[in-house]
Amino acid sequence: MVARAGAARRVRRAESGPRVVPAATNAADLDRVIHERVRLGIVSALAATESLAFNELKKLLRITDGNLSVHARKLEEAGYVAVQKTFEGRIPRTAYRLTPAGRRALVPARRGQPHWKVL
């Protein structure tokens, strides 16, 4: 009897066992405010540039208006992101920039490397 290639792959994966993750000693040191995927994306994008407009962040991260608003507000409340709201004519414009506290949270001083590399 000939075995299907897909079935053989599934068997090999099952035999290899679960992926072993190192102890959470380093993960426990992470800042829980920016650890969430969307917030980490916001902070990382802002770390690469001086500021980004709401629509630029939304397109870059491929998220909805509401999702970006909620996560950006959490980062603003934590003091990691500064928000500047202006109007161009009657059109509201929102720009975000990373604060010094946000930069420190992204790259903890005692480790000297971005927290996503700690994992």
N, C-alpha and C. Protein backbone atom coordinates (compact mmCIF):
# COMPACT_ATOMS: atom_id res chain seq x y z
N MET A 1 0.83 -1.17 0.00
CA MET A 1 0.00 0.00 0.00
C MET A 1 0.89 1.25 0.00
N VAL A 2 0.51 2.25 -0.78
CA VAL A 2 1.29 3.47 -0.90
C VAL A 2 0.71 4.52 0.05
N ALA A 3 1.58 5.10 0.86
CA ALA A 3 1.14 6.12 1.80
C ALA A 3 1.13 7.48 1.13
N ARG A 4 0.19 8.30 1.49
CA ARG A 4 0.13 9.65 0.94
C ARG A 4 1.21 10.50 1.59
N ALA A 5 1.76 11.44 0.83
CA ALA A 5 2.83 12.30 1.33
C ALA A 5 2.36 13.16 2.51
N GLY A 6 1.15 13.69 2.41
CA GLY A 6 0.62 14.53 3.48
C GLY A 6 0.45 13.76 4.78
N ALA A 7 0.00 12.51 4.66
CA ALA A 7 -0.18 11.69 5.86
C ALA A 7 1.16 11.41 6.52
N ALA A 8 2.19 11.18 5.71
CA ALA A 8 3.52 10.91 6.27
C ALA A 8 4.04 12.13 7.02
N ARG A 9 3.80 13.31 6.47
CA ARG A 9 4.25 14.51 7.14
C ARG A 9 3.55 14.70 8.49
N ARG A 10 2.27 14.42 8.50
CA ARG A 10 1.53 14.57 9.75
C ARG A 10 2.07 13.62 10.81
N VAL A 11 2.41 12.42 10.41
CA VAL A 11 2.94 11.44 11.36
C VAL A 11 4.28 11.93 11.90
N ARG A 12 5.13 12.43 11.04
CA ARG A 12 6.44 12.90 11.50
C ARG A 12 6.29 14.05 12.49
N ARG A 13 5.39 14.95 12.24
CA ARG A 13 5.18 16.06 13.16
C ARG A 13 4.69 15.55 14.51
N ALA A 14 3.79 14.61 14.48
CA ALA A 14 3.25 14.07 15.73
C ALA A 14 4.34 13.34 16.50
N GLU A 15 5.22 12.63 15.80
CA GLU A 15 6.28 11.89 16.47
C GLU A 15 7.33 12.82 17.07
N SER A 16 7.51 14.00 16.47
CA SER A 16 8.54 14.90 16.98
C SER A 16 8.15 15.51 18.32
N GLY A 17 6.89 15.46 18.68
CA GLY A 17 6.44 15.96 19.97
C GLY A 17 6.21 17.46 19.95
N PRO A 18 5.72 17.98 21.05
CA PRO A 18 5.45 19.41 21.10
C PRO A 18 6.74 20.22 21.13
N ARG A 19 6.62 21.42 20.64
CA ARG A 19 7.77 22.32 20.64
C ARG A 19 8.09 22.71 22.08
N VAL A 20 9.33 22.61 22.45
CA VAL A 20 9.75 22.95 23.80
C VAL A 20 10.12 24.43 23.85
N VAL A 21 9.48 25.14 24.75
CA VAL A 21 9.72 26.56 24.91
C VAL A 21 10.53 26.76 26.18
N PRO A 22 11.59 27.55 26.13
CA PRO A 22 12.38 27.78 27.34
C PRO A 22 11.54 28.39 28.46
N ALA A 23 12.04 28.29 29.66
CA ALA A 23 11.35 28.85 30.82
C ALA A 23 11.05 30.32 30.59
N ALA A 24 9.98 30.79 31.17
CA ALA A 24 9.50 32.14 30.93
C ALA A 24 10.23 33.19 31.76
N THR A 25 11.45 32.92 32.14
CA THR A 25 12.17 33.90 32.95
C THR A 25 12.35 35.21 32.20
N ASN A 26 12.66 35.16 30.92
CA ASN A 26 12.83 36.38 30.13
C ASN A 26 11.49 36.97 29.74
N ALA A 27 10.53 36.13 29.41
CA ALA A 27 9.21 36.61 28.99
C ALA A 27 8.51 37.34 30.13
N ALA A 28 8.78 36.95 31.36
CA ALA A 28 8.15 37.61 32.50
C ALA A 28 8.63 39.04 32.63
N ASP A 29 9.79 39.36 32.09
CA ASP A 29 10.33 40.71 32.17
C ASP A 29 9.73 41.65 31.14
N LEU A 30 8.95 41.13 30.19
CA LEU A 30 8.41 41.96 29.13
C LEU A 30 7.32 42.88 29.66
N ASP A 31 7.22 44.04 29.05
CA ASP A 31 6.19 45.00 29.39
C ASP A 31 4.87 44.51 28.78
N ARG A 32 3.92 44.18 29.61
CA ARG A 32 2.65 43.62 29.13
C ARG A 32 1.85 44.61 28.28
N VAL A 33 2.08 45.90 28.44
CA VAL A 33 1.33 46.88 27.65
C VAL A 33 1.70 46.77 26.18
N ILE A 34 2.97 46.62 25.86
CA ILE A 34 3.36 46.56 24.45
C ILE A 34 3.56 45.13 23.95
N HIS A 35 3.36 44.16 24.80
CA HIS A 35 3.58 42.77 24.40
C HIS A 35 2.52 42.28 23.42
N GLU A 36 1.33 42.82 23.45
CA GLU A 36 0.26 42.41 22.56
C GLU A 36 0.66 42.72 21.11
N ARG A 37 0.28 41.86 20.19
CA ARG A 37 0.76 41.93 18.80
C ARG A 37 0.53 43.28 18.12
N VAL A 38 -0.67 43.82 18.19
CA VAL A 38 -0.96 45.08 17.50
C VAL A 38 -0.19 46.23 18.14
N ARG A 39 -0.14 46.26 19.47
CA ARG A 39 0.60 47.33 20.14
C ARG A 39 2.08 47.26 19.83
N LEU A 40 2.62 46.06 19.79
CA LEU A 40 4.03 45.91 19.43
C LEU A 40 4.27 46.39 18.00
N GLY A 41 3.32 46.12 17.12
CA GLY A 41 3.41 46.61 15.75
C GLY A 41 3.41 48.12 15.68
N ILE A 42 2.54 48.75 16.47
CA ILE A 42 2.46 50.21 16.49
C ILE A 42 3.78 50.80 16.99
N VAL A 43 4.26 50.29 18.11
CA VAL A 43 5.49 50.81 18.70
C VAL A 43 6.68 50.57 17.78
N SER A 44 6.74 49.41 17.17
CA SER A 44 7.85 49.09 16.27
C SER A 44 7.84 49.99 15.04
N ALA A 45 6.66 50.23 14.48
CA ALA A 45 6.56 51.12 13.31
C ALA A 45 6.97 52.54 13.68
N LEU A 46 6.55 52.99 14.84
CA LEU A 46 6.90 54.35 15.26
C LEU A 46 8.37 54.48 15.62
N ALA A 47 8.99 53.40 16.02
CA ALA A 47 10.42 53.43 16.34
C ALA A 47 11.26 53.65 15.08
N ALA A 48 10.71 53.29 13.94
CA ALA A 48 11.45 53.39 12.68
C ALA A 48 11.30 54.75 12.00
N THR A 49 10.41 55.59 12.51
CA THR A 49 10.18 56.88 11.89
C THR A 49 9.81 57.91 12.95
N GLU A 50 9.84 59.17 12.59
CA GLU A 50 9.54 60.23 13.57
C GLU A 50 8.08 60.21 13.99
N SER A 51 7.18 60.09 13.01
CA SER A 51 5.75 60.01 13.31
C SER A 51 5.02 59.36 12.15
N LEU A 52 3.83 58.88 12.44
CA LEU A 52 2.99 58.28 11.40
C LEU A 52 1.55 58.75 11.59
N ALA A 53 0.87 58.97 10.48
CA ALA A 53 -0.53 59.34 10.52
C ALA A 53 -1.38 58.11 10.81
N PHE A 54 -2.59 58.34 11.29
CA PHE A 54 -3.51 57.26 11.62
C PHE A 54 -3.69 56.31 10.44
N ASN A 55 -3.97 56.88 9.27
CA ASN A 55 -4.21 56.02 8.09
C ASN A 55 -2.97 55.27 7.65
N GLU A 56 -1.79 55.86 7.83
CA GLU A 56 -0.55 55.16 7.49
C GLU A 56 -0.36 53.94 8.40
N LEU A 57 -0.59 54.13 9.69
CA LEU A 57 -0.47 53.01 10.63
C LEU A 57 -1.50 51.93 10.33
N LYS A 58 -2.72 52.36 10.05
CA LYS A 58 -3.80 51.42 9.76
C LYS A 58 -3.46 50.55 8.55
N LYS A 59 -2.97 51.17 7.49
CA LYS A 59 -2.60 50.42 6.28
C LYS A 59 -1.38 49.53 6.52
N LEU A 60 -0.41 50.05 7.25
CA LEU A 60 0.81 49.30 7.52
C LEU A 60 0.52 48.04 8.33
N LEU A 61 -0.32 48.17 9.34
CA LEU A 61 -0.62 47.03 10.22
C LEU A 61 -1.80 46.20 9.75
N ARG A 62 -2.53 46.70 8.75
CA ARG A 62 -3.69 45.99 8.20
C ARG A 62 -4.73 45.69 9.28
N ILE A 63 -5.12 46.75 9.99
CA ILE A 63 -6.12 46.62 11.04
C ILE A 63 -7.22 47.64 10.81
N THR A 64 -8.31 47.49 11.54
CA THR A 64 -9.45 48.39 11.39
C THR A 64 -9.24 49.68 12.16
N ASP A 65 -10.06 50.67 11.85
CA ASP A 65 -10.00 51.95 12.55
C ASP A 65 -10.19 51.76 14.06
N GLY A 66 -11.22 51.00 14.41
CA GLY A 66 -11.52 50.79 15.83
C GLY A 66 -10.40 50.08 16.56
N ASN A 67 -9.84 49.07 15.92
CA ASN A 67 -8.76 48.31 16.54
C ASN A 67 -7.55 49.21 16.79
N LEU A 68 -7.19 50.01 15.80
CA LEU A 68 -6.05 50.92 15.96
C LEU A 68 -6.33 51.95 17.05
N SER A 69 -7.54 52.49 17.07
CA SER A 69 -7.89 53.50 18.07
C SER A 69 -7.76 52.96 19.49
N VAL A 70 -8.27 51.77 19.72
CA VAL A 70 -8.24 51.18 21.07
C VAL A 70 -6.80 50.93 21.51
N HIS A 71 -6.00 50.33 20.65
CA HIS A 71 -4.62 49.99 21.02
C HIS A 71 -3.76 51.25 21.15
N ALA A 72 -3.97 52.23 20.29
CA ALA A 72 -3.21 53.48 20.39
C ALA A 72 -3.57 54.21 21.69
N ARG A 73 -4.82 54.15 22.09
CA ARG A 73 -5.22 54.80 23.34
C ARG A 73 -4.54 54.13 24.54
N LYS A 74 -4.44 52.81 24.54
CA LYS A 74 -3.74 52.10 25.62
C LYS A 74 -2.28 52.54 25.70
N LEU A 75 -1.64 52.65 24.53
CA LEU A 75 -0.24 53.08 24.51
C LEU A 75 -0.10 54.54 24.95
N GLU A 76 -1.08 55.36 24.59
CA GLU A 76 -1.05 56.76 25.01
C GLU A 76 -1.22 56.85 26.54
N GLU A 77 -2.14 56.08 27.10
CA GLU A 77 -2.37 56.08 28.55
C GLU A 77 -1.13 55.63 29.31
N ALA A 78 -0.35 54.72 28.71
CA ALA A 78 0.87 54.24 29.34
C ALA A 78 2.02 55.22 29.17
N GLY A 79 1.83 56.24 28.33
CA GLY A 79 2.88 57.23 28.10
C GLY A 79 3.90 56.81 27.05
N TYR A 80 3.58 55.79 26.26
CA TYR A 80 4.51 55.28 25.25
C TYR A 80 4.34 55.96 23.90
N VAL A 81 3.16 56.51 23.64
CA VAL A 81 2.87 57.14 22.36
C VAL A 81 2.26 58.51 22.62
N ALA A 82 2.69 59.50 21.86
CA ALA A 82 2.10 60.84 21.92
C ALA A 82 1.20 61.01 20.70
N VAL A 83 0.04 61.60 20.92
CA VAL A 83 -0.94 61.77 19.86
C VAL A 83 -1.12 63.26 19.60
N GLN A 84 -1.11 63.62 18.31
CA GLN A 84 -1.35 65.01 17.91
C GLN A 84 -2.54 65.02 16.97
N LYS A 85 -3.60 65.71 17.38
CA LYS A 85 -4.81 65.80 16.56
C LYS A 85 -4.92 67.21 16.01
N THR A 86 -5.06 67.29 14.70
CA THR A 86 -5.20 68.58 14.03
C THR A 86 -6.31 68.47 12.99
N PHE A 87 -6.61 69.60 12.35
CA PHE A 87 -7.57 69.62 11.26
C PHE A 87 -6.92 70.23 10.03
N GLU A 88 -7.17 69.64 8.89
CA GLU A 88 -6.81 70.23 7.60
C GLU A 88 -8.13 70.58 6.94
N GLY A 89 -8.48 71.84 7.03
CA GLY A 89 -9.83 72.23 6.60
C GLY A 89 -10.81 71.65 7.61
N ARG A 90 -11.70 70.82 7.15
CA ARG A 90 -12.65 70.16 8.04
C ARG A 90 -12.29 68.69 8.29
N ILE A 91 -11.16 68.28 7.78
CA ILE A 91 -10.76 66.88 7.90
C ILE A 91 -9.84 66.70 9.10
N PRO A 92 -10.25 65.84 10.05
CA PRO A 92 -9.38 65.60 11.21
C PRO A 92 -8.17 64.76 10.81
N ARG A 93 -7.02 65.09 11.36
CA ARG A 93 -5.78 64.35 11.12
C ARG A 93 -5.19 63.96 12.48
N THR A 94 -4.83 62.71 12.61
CA THR A 94 -4.21 62.23 13.85
C THR A 94 -2.84 61.67 13.51
N ALA A 95 -1.85 62.14 14.24
CA ALA A 95 -0.48 61.66 14.04
C ALA A 95 0.03 61.09 15.36
N TYR A 96 0.82 60.03 15.26
CA TYR A 96 1.38 59.36 16.43
C TYR A 96 2.90 59.41 16.37
N ARG A 97 3.52 59.56 17.54
CA ARG A 97 4.97 59.45 17.62
C ARG A 97 5.32 58.70 18.90
N LEU A 98 6.47 58.06 18.88
CA LEU A 98 6.93 57.30 20.03
C LEU A 98 7.59 58.25 21.03
N THR A 99 7.24 58.11 22.29
CA THR A 99 7.84 58.95 23.33
C THR A 99 9.15 58.30 23.81
N PRO A 100 9.97 59.03 24.54
CA PRO A 100 11.18 58.41 25.10
C PRO A 100 10.85 57.20 25.99
N ALA A 101 9.75 57.28 26.73
CA ALA A 101 9.34 56.14 27.57
C ALA A 101 8.98 54.94 26.70
N GLY A 102 8.34 55.19 25.56
CA GLY A 102 7.99 54.11 24.64
C GLY A 102 9.23 53.46 24.04
N ARG A 103 10.22 54.27 23.74
CA ARG A 103 11.48 53.74 23.20
C ARG A 103 12.20 52.88 24.24
N ARG A 104 12.17 53.34 25.50
CA ARG A 104 12.80 52.56 26.58
C ARG A 104 12.05 51.25 26.81
N ALA A 105 10.74 51.27 26.68
CA ALA A 105 9.96 50.04 26.87
C ALA A 105 10.22 49.05 25.74
N LEU A 106 10.48 49.56 24.56
CA LEU A 106 10.75 48.69 23.41
C LEU A 106 12.13 48.05 23.52
N VAL A 107 13.11 48.79 24.00
CA VAL A 107 14.47 48.28 24.15
C VAL A 107 14.89 48.45 25.61
N PRO A 108 14.61 47.45 26.44
CA PRO A 108 14.97 47.57 27.86
C PRO A 108 16.47 47.80 28.02
N ALA A 109 16.83 48.77 28.85
CA ALA A 109 18.23 49.17 29.01
C ALA A 109 19.10 48.05 29.56
N ARG A 110 18.58 47.26 30.47
CA ARG A 110 19.45 46.27 31.08
C ARG A 110 19.76 45.09 30.17
N ARG A 111 18.95 44.88 29.16
CA ARG A 111 19.21 43.81 28.20
C ARG A 111 19.95 44.32 26.97
N GLY A 112 19.69 45.59 26.62
CA GLY A 112 20.35 46.18 25.48
C GLY A 112 19.90 45.66 24.14
N GLN A 113 18.76 44.97 24.10
CA GLN A 113 18.24 44.48 22.84
C GLN A 113 16.71 44.55 22.86
N PRO A 114 16.07 44.64 21.70
CA PRO A 114 14.62 44.70 21.66
C PRO A 114 14.01 43.50 22.37
N HIS A 115 12.87 43.73 23.02
CA HIS A 115 12.29 42.67 23.84
C HIS A 115 11.80 41.48 23.04
N TRP A 116 11.50 41.64 21.75
CA TRP A 116 11.06 40.48 20.98
C TRP A 116 12.24 39.52 20.74
N LYS A 117 13.46 40.00 20.84
CA LYS A 117 14.62 39.11 20.69
C LYS A 117 14.92 38.37 21.98
N VAL A 118 14.41 38.88 23.11
CA VAL A 118 14.62 38.21 24.39
C VAL A 118 13.94 36.85 24.39
N LEU A 119 12.79 36.79 23.71
CA LEU A 119 12.06 35.53 23.64
C LEU A 119 12.86 34.51 22.87
